[in-house]
PDB file of N, CA and C in Angstrom:
ATOM      1  N   MET A   1       5.658   4.616   2.785  1.00  0.00           N
ATOM      2  CA  MET A   1       4.815   4.141   3.866  1.00  0.00           C
ATOM      3  C   MET A   1       3.881   4.595   3.905  1.00  0.00           C
ATOM      4  N   VAL A   2       2.800   4.153   4.530  1.00  0.00           N
ATOM      5  CA  VAL A   2       1.382   4.352   4.797  1.00  0.00           C
ATOM      6  C   VAL A   2       1.923   5.433   6.666  1.00  0.00           C
ATOM      7  N   ASN A   3       1.266   6.377   6.396  1.00  0.00           N
ATOM      8  CA  ASN A   3       1.359   6.907   7.738  1.00  0.00           C
ATOM      9  C   ASN A   3      -0.016   6.501   8.539  1.00  0.00           C
ATOM     10  N   ILE A   4       0.377   5.845   9.441  1.00  0.00           N
ATOM     11  CA  ILE A   4      -0.988   5.296   9.903  1.00  0.00           C
ATOM     12  C   ILE A   4      -1.430   6.347  11.557  1.00  0.00           C
ATOM     13  N   TRP A   5      -0.393   7.791  11.717  1.00  0.00           N
ATOM     14  CA  TRP A   5      -1.280   8.308  12.623  1.00  0.00           C
ATOM     15  C   TRP A   5      -2.167   9.280  11.529  1.00  0.00           C
ATOM     16  N   ASN A   6      -2.363   9.362  10.435  1.00  0.00           N
ATOM     17  CA  ASN A   6      -3.555   9.724   9.691  1.00  0.00           C
ATOM     18  C   ASN A   6      -4.990   9.431  10.566  1.00  0.00           C
ATOM     19  N   TYR A   7      -4.591   7.808  10.720  1.00  0.00           N
ATOM     20  CA  TYR A   7      -6.706   7.453  11.267  1.00  0.00           C
ATOM     21  C   TYR A   7      -6.389   7.209  12.660  1.00  0.00           C
ATOM     22  N   ALA A   8      -5.665   8.031  13.452  1.00  0.00           N
ATOM     23  CA  ALA A   8      -5.609   8.067  15.109  1.00  0.00           C
ATOM     24  C   ALA A   8      -7.160   7.972  15.413  1.00  0.00           C
ATOM     25  N   GLY A   9      -7.917   9.264  14.360  1.00  0.00           N
ATOM     26  CA  GLY A   9      -9.374   9.344  14.990  1.00  0.00           C
ATOM     27  C   GLY A   9     -10.310   8.600  14.153  1.00  0.00           C
ATOM     28  N   ALA A  10     -10.100   7.904  13.201  1.00  0.00           N
ATOM     29  CA  ALA A  10     -10.986   6.890  12.452  1.00  0.00           C
ATOM     30  C   ALA A  10     -11.795   6.016  13.700  1.00  0.00           C
ATOM     31  N   GLU A  11     -12.681   5.193  13.401  1.00  0.00           N
ATOM     32  CA  GLU A  11     -13.008   4.225  13.739  1.00  0.00           C
ATOM     33  C   GLU A  11     -12.537   3.212  13.042  1.00  0.00           C
ATOM     34  N   LYS A  12     -13.962   2.912  11.812  1.00  0.00           N
ATOM     35  CA  LYS A  12     -13.561   1.666  11.127  1.00  0.00           C
ATOM     36  C   LYS A  12     -12.838   1.617  10.100  1.00  0.00           C
ATOM     37  N   ILE A  13     -11.630   0.732   9.928  1.00  0.00           N
ATOM     38  CA  ILE A  13     -10.909   1.199   8.640  1.00  0.00           C
ATOM     39  C   ILE A  13     -10.760  -0.381   8.035  1.00  0.00           C
ATOM     40  N   GLN A  14     -10.180  -0.331   6.887  1.00  0.00           N
ATOM     41  CA  GLN A  14      -9.548  -1.511   6.042  1.00  0.00           C
ATOM     42  C   GLN A  14      -8.061  -1.435   5.938  1.00  0.00           C
ATOM     43  N   ILE A  15      -7.339  -2.604   6.191  1.00  0.00           N
ATOM     44  CA  ILE A  15      -5.917  -2.450   6.094  1.00  0.00           C
ATOM     45  C   ILE A  15      -5.970  -3.459   4.862  1.00  0.00           C
ATOM     46  N   THR A  16      -4.718  -3.035   4.026  1.00  0.00           N
ATOM     47  CA  THR A  16      -4.587  -4.294   2.845  1.00  0.00           C
ATOM     48  C   THR A  16      -2.874  -4.049   3.509  1.00  0.00           C
ATOM     49  N   CYS A  17      -2.637  -5.582   3.653  1.00  0.00           N
ATOM     50  CA  CYS A  17      -1.182  -5.573   3.848  1.00  0.00           C
ATOM     51  C   CYS A  17      -0.229  -5.823   2.628  1.00  0.00           C
ATOM     52  N   ILE A  18       1.032  -5.505   2.743  1.00  0.00           N
ATOM     53  CA  ILE A  18       1.793  -6.284   1.797  1.00  0.00           C
ATOM     54  C   ILE A  18       1.847  -7.487   1.194  1.00  0.00           C
ATOM     55  N   SER A  19       1.687  -8.415   1.771  1.00  0.00           N
ATOM     56  CA  SER A  19       1.253 -10.240   1.908  1.00  0.00           C
ATOM     57  C   SER A  19      -0.073 -10.176   0.743  1.00  0.00           C
ATOM     58  N   GLY A  20      -0.970  -8.849   0.535  1.00  0.00           N
ATOM     59  CA  GLY A  20      -2.127  -9.265   0.134  1.00  0.00           C
ATOM     60  C   GLY A  20      -3.450  -9.498   1.150  1.00  0.00           C
ATOM     61  N   ASP A  21      -2.926  -9.702   2.234  1.00  0.00           N
ATOM     62  CA  ASP A  21      -4.221 -10.504   2.692  1.00  0.00           C
ATOM     63  C   ASP A  21      -4.937  -9.306   3.678  1.00  0.00           C
ATOM     64  N   ILE A  22      -6.352  -8.782   3.629  1.00  0.00           N
ATOM     65  CA  ILE A  22      -7.139  -7.374   4.032  1.00  0.00           C
ATOM     66  C   ILE A  22      -7.804  -7.733   5.372  1.00  0.00           C
ATOM     67  N   TYR A  23      -7.846  -6.824   6.164  1.00  0.00           N
ATOM     68  CA  TYR A  23      -8.361  -6.940   7.768  1.00  0.00           C
ATOM     69  C   TYR A  23      -9.091  -5.318   7.737  1.00  0.00           C
ATOM     70  N   GLU A  24     -10.506  -5.539   8.485  1.00  0.00           N
ATOM     71  CA  GLU A  24     -11.277  -4.778   8.488  1.00  0.00           C
ATOM     72  C   GLU A  24     -11.709  -4.224  10.045  1.00  0.00           C
ATOM     73  N   GLY A  25     -11.539  -3.518  10.525  1.00  0.00           N
ATOM     74  CA  GLY A  25     -11.663  -3.018  12.110  1.00  0.00           C
ATOM     75  C   GLY A  25     -11.652  -2.050  12.882  1.00  0.00           C
ATOM     76  N   ASN A  26     -12.251  -1.880  13.704  1.00  0.00           N
ATOM     77  CA  ASN A  26     -12.300  -0.327  14.482  1.00  0.00           C
ATOM     78  C   ASN A  26     -10.573  -0.413  15.064  1.00  0.00           C
ATOM     79  N   VAL A  27     -10.457   0.698  15.098  1.00  0.00           N
ATOM     80  CA  VAL A  27      -8.897   1.492  15.666  1.00  0.00           C
ATOM     81  C   VAL A  27      -8.898   1.187  17.199  1.00  0.00           C
ATOM     82  N   VAL A  28      -8.371   0.582  17.439  1.00  0.00           N
ATOM     83  CA  VAL A  28      -8.236   0.424  19.038  1.00  0.00           C
ATOM     84  C   VAL A  28      -7.389   1.386  19.907  1.00  0.00           C
ATOM     85  N   CYS A  29      -5.819   1.501  18.827  1.00  0.00           N
ATOM     86  CA  CYS A  29      -5.026   2.679  19.449  1.00  0.00           C
ATOM     87  C   CYS A  29      -3.727   2.737  18.387  1.00  0.00           C
ATOM     88  N   ILE A  30      -3.351   3.566  18.433  1.00  0.00           N
ATOM     89  CA  ILE A  30      -1.994   3.551  17.561  1.00  0.00           C
ATOM     90  C   ILE A  30      -0.462   4.224  18.718  1.00  0.00           C
ATOM     91  N   ASP A  31       0.418   2.713  19.039  1.00  0.00           N
ATOM     92  CA  ASP A  31       1.376   3.371  19.777  1.00  0.00           C
ATOM     93  C   ASP A  31       2.411   4.220  19.078  1.00  0.00           C
ATOM     94  N   ASP A  32       3.402   4.414  19.962  1.00  0.00           N
ATOM     95  CA  ASP A  32       4.296   5.419  19.359  1.00  0.00           C
ATOM     96  C   ASP A  32       5.902   4.230  19.404  1.00  0.00           C
ATOM     97  N   ALA A  33       6.677   4.308  18.856  1.00  0.00           N
ATOM     98  CA  ALA A  33       8.002   3.112  19.129  1.00  0.00           C
ATOM     99  C   ALA A  33       8.532   3.793  20.075  1.00  0.00           C
ATOM    100  N   GLU A  34       8.883   4.972  20.050  1.00  0.00           N
ATOM    101  CA  GLU A  34       9.801   5.470  21.210  1.00  0.00           C
ATOM    102  C   GLU A  34       9.003   5.156  22.525  1.00  0.00           C
ATOM    103  N   GLU A  35       8.067   4.833  23.179  1.00  0.00           N
ATOM    104  CA  GLU A  35       7.109   4.508  24.240  1.00  0.00           C
ATOM    105  C   GLU A  35       7.016   3.151  24.356  1.00  0.00           C
ATOM    106  N   MET A  36       7.639   2.144  22.984  1.00  0.00           N
ATOM    107  CA  MET A  36       7.374   1.031  23.340  1.00  0.00           C
ATOM    108  C   MET A  36       8.713   0.140  23.830  1.00  0.00           C
ATOM    109  N   TYR A  37       8.511  -0.960  24.573  1.00  0.00           N
ATOM    110  CA  TYR A  37      10.168  -1.297  24.587  1.00  0.00           C
ATOM    111  C   TYR A  37      10.105  -1.887  22.968  1.00  0.00           C
ATOM    112  N   ASP A  38      11.691  -2.095  23.044  1.00  0.00           N
ATOM    113  CA  ASP A  38      12.408  -2.519  22.295  1.00  0.00           C
ATOM    114  C   ASP A  38      11.799  -3.059  20.433  1.00  0.00           C
ATOM    115  N   ALA A  39      10.894  -1.293  20.336  1.00  0.00           N
ATOM    116  CA  ALA A  39      10.146  -1.763  18.887  1.00  0.00           C
ATOM    117  C   ALA A  39      10.788  -1.012  18.041  1.00  0.00           C
ATOM    118  N   THR A  40      10.713  -0.526  16.697  1.00  0.00           N
ATOM    119  CA  THR A  40      11.613  -0.147  15.717  1.00  0.00           C
ATOM    120  C   THR A  40      10.208   0.889  14.896  1.00  0.00           C
ATOM    121  N   GLU A  41       9.402   0.366  15.389  1.00  0.00           N
ATOM    122  CA  GLU A  41       8.223   0.896  14.147  1.00  0.00           C
ATOM    123  C   GLU A  41       6.898   1.459  15.194  1.00  0.00           C
ATOM    124  N   ASP A  42       6.422   2.366  14.850  1.00  0.00           N
ATOM    125  CA  ASP A  42       4.874   3.007  15.437  1.00  0.00           C
ATOM    126  C   ASP A  42       3.714   1.385  14.830  1.00  0.00           C
ATOM    127  N   GLU A  43       3.162   1.233  15.548  1.00  0.00           N
ATOM    128  CA  GLU A  43       2.010   0.193  15.131  1.00  0.00           C
ATOM    129  C   GLU A  43       0.653   0.501  15.571  1.00  0.00           C
ATOM    130  N   ILE A  44      -0.311   0.208  14.290  1.00  0.00           N
ATOM    131  CA  ILE A  44      -2.024   0.595  15.122  1.00  0.00           C
ATOM    132  C   ILE A  44      -2.660  -1.002  14.996  1.00  0.00           C
ATOM    133  N   THR A  45      -3.391  -0.969  15.929  1.00  0.00           N
ATOM    134  CA  THR A  45      -3.983  -1.886  16.397  1.00  0.00           C
ATOM    135  C   THR A  45      -5.364  -2.098  16.026  1.00  0.00           C
ATOM    136  N   ILE A  46      -5.874  -2.953  15.612  1.00  0.00           N
ATOM    137  CA  ILE A  46      -7.790  -2.578  15.288  1.00  0.00           C
ATOM    138  C   ILE A  46      -8.109  -4.323  15.693  1.00  0.00           C
ATOM    139  N   GLU A  47      -9.528  -4.035  16.052  1.00  0.00           N
ATOM    140  CA  GLU A  47     -10.543  -5.184  16.911  1.00  0.00           C
ATOM    141  C   GLU A  47     -11.340  -5.577  15.711  1.00  0.00           C
ATOM    142  N   THR A  48     -11.228  -6.523  15.118  1.00  0.00           N
ATOM    143  CA  THR A  48     -12.229  -7.444  14.085  1.00  0.00           C
ATOM    144  C   THR A  48     -13.356  -7.544  14.539  1.00  0.00           C
ATOM    145  N   SER A  49     -14.263  -7.605  13.355  1.00  0.00           N
ATOM    146  CA  SER A  49     -15.337  -8.302  13.867  1.00  0.00           C
ATOM    147  C   SER A  49     -15.940  -9.430  14.803  1.00  0.00           C
ATOM    148  N   ASP A  50     -14.718  -9.980  14.548  1.00  0.00           N
ATOM    149  CA  ASP A  50     -14.827 -11.570  15.801  1.00  0.00           C
ATOM    150  C   ASP A  50     -14.031 -11.551  16.751  1.00  0.00           C
ATOM    151  N   GLY A  51     -13.732  -9.958  17.241  1.00  0.00           N
ATOM    152  CA  GLY A  51     -13.118  -9.630  18.743  1.00  0.00           C
ATOM    153  C   GLY A  51     -11.450  -9.619  18.732  1.00  0.00           C
ATOM    154  N   LYS A  52     -10.947  -9.849  17.693  1.00  0.00           N
ATOM    155  CA  LYS A  52      -9.525 -10.233  17.734  1.00  0.00           C
ATOM    156  C   LYS A  52      -8.712  -8.996  17.404  1.00  0.00           C
ATOM    157  N   PHE A  53      -7.589  -9.044  18.102  1.00  0.00           N
ATOM    158  CA  PHE A  53      -6.891  -7.640  18.306  1.00  0.00           C
ATOM    159  C   PHE A  53      -5.907  -7.990  17.024  1.00  0.00           C
ATOM    160  N   VAL A  54      -5.527  -7.379  16.345  1.00  0.00           N
ATOM    161  CA  VAL A  54      -4.565  -7.350  15.561  1.00  0.00           C
ATOM    162  C   VAL A  54      -3.711  -6.044  15.274  1.00  0.00           C
ATOM    163  N   GLY A  55      -2.680  -6.128  14.973  1.00  0.00           N
ATOM    164  CA  GLY A  55      -1.421  -5.115  15.358  1.00  0.00           C
ATOM    165  C   GLY A  55      -0.391  -5.138  13.977  1.00  0.00           C
ATOM    166  N   PHE A  56      -0.585  -3.925  13.565  1.00  0.00           N
ATOM    167  CA  PHE A  56      -0.024  -3.558  12.272  1.00  0.00           C
ATOM    168  C   PHE A  56       1.418  -2.673  12.173  1.00  0.00           C
ATOM    169  N   LYS A  57       2.506  -3.160  11.708  1.00  0.00           N
ATOM    170  CA  LYS A  57       3.516  -1.704  11.080  1.00  0.00           C
ATOM    171  C   LYS A  57       3.266  -0.921  10.165  1.00  0.00           C
ATOM    172  N   PRO A  58       3.892   0.245  10.083  1.00  0.00           N
ATOM    173  CA  PRO A  58       3.896   0.697   8.638  1.00  0.00           C
ATOM    174  C   PRO A  58       4.000   0.187   7.842  1.00  0.00           C
ATOM    175  N   SER A  59       5.354  -0.850   7.447  1.00  0.00           N
ATOM    176  CA  SER A  59       5.846  -1.094   6.622  1.00  0.00           C
ATOM    177  C   SER A  59       5.213  -2.446   6.464  1.00  0.00           C
ATOM    178  N   GLU A  60       4.389  -3.405   7.015  1.00  0.00           N
ATOM    179  CA  GLU A  60       3.516  -4.444   7.304  1.00  0.00           C
ATOM    180  C   GLU A  60       2.267  -3.789   5.998  1.00  0.00           C
ATOM    181  N   ILE A  61       2.121  -2.762   6.070  1.00  0.00           N
ATOM    182  CA  ILE A  61       0.386  -2.022   4.922  1.00  0.00           C
ATOM    183  C   ILE A  61       1.150  -1.580   3.773  1.00  0.00           C
ATOM    184  N   GLU A  62       0.146  -2.007   3.130  1.00  0.00           N
ATOM    185  CA  GLU A  62       0.008  -1.594   1.645  1.00  0.00           C
ATOM    186  C   GLU A  62      -0.571  -0.187   1.375  1.00  0.00           C
ATOM    187  N   LYS A  63      -1.799  -0.681   2.276  1.00  0.00           N
ATOM    188  CA  LYS A  63      -2.561   0.590   1.836  1.00  0.00           C
ATOM    189  C   LYS A  63      -3.763   0.404   2.916  1.00  0.00           C
ATOM    190  N   ILE A  64      -4.010   1.675   4.004  1.00  0.00           N
ATOM    191  CA  ILE A  64      -5.095   1.850   4.645  1.00  0.00           C
ATOM    192  C   ILE A  64      -6.601   2.898   3.739  1.00  0.00           C
ATOM    193  N   ARG A  65      -7.553   2.316   4.328  1.00  0.00           N
ATOM    194  CA  ARG A  65      -9.038   2.922   4.013  1.00  0.00           C
ATOM    195  C   ARG A  65      -9.934   3.225   4.481  1.00  0.00           C
ATOM    196  N   GLU A  66     -10.415   3.931   5.248  1.00  0.00           N
ATOM    197  CA  GLU A  66     -11.425   4.493   5.866  1.00  0.00           C
ATOM    198  C   GLU A  66     -12.653   4.160   5.890  1.00  0.00           C
ATOM    199  N   LEU A  67     -13.575   3.012   6.339  1.00  0.00           N
ATOM    200  CA  LEU A  67     -14.828   2.663   6.239  1.00  0.00           C
ATOM    201  C   LEU A  67     -15.982   4.006   6.623  1.00  0.00           C
ATOM    202  N   ASN A  68     -16.906   4.041   6.336  1.00  0.00           N
ATOM    203  CA  ASN A  68     -18.244   4.568   6.708  1.00  0.00           C
ATOM    204  C   ASN A  68     -17.878   5.940   7.025  1.00  0.00           C
ATOM    205  N   LYS A  69     -17.308   6.669   5.599  1.00  0.00           N
ATOM    206  CA  LYS A  69     -16.840   8.314   6.379  1.00  0.00           C
ATOM    207  C   LYS A  69     -17.966   8.862   5.678  1.00  0.00           C
TER     208      LYS A  69
END
């Protein structure tokens, strides 16, 4: 499982989901499961180039790659 906390300071990342879908965007936040109501996993949220906010749990992520580093 991917450690999403490694990308807390990253700006633009690419996430490949276990479903094969690929998303690119700027990291908005990483939420700790202990601080969210009824959550079982932490979550990373990105904003895509079309302005959508998409959240991912580590169990949904195959890999993360930092872009423009």
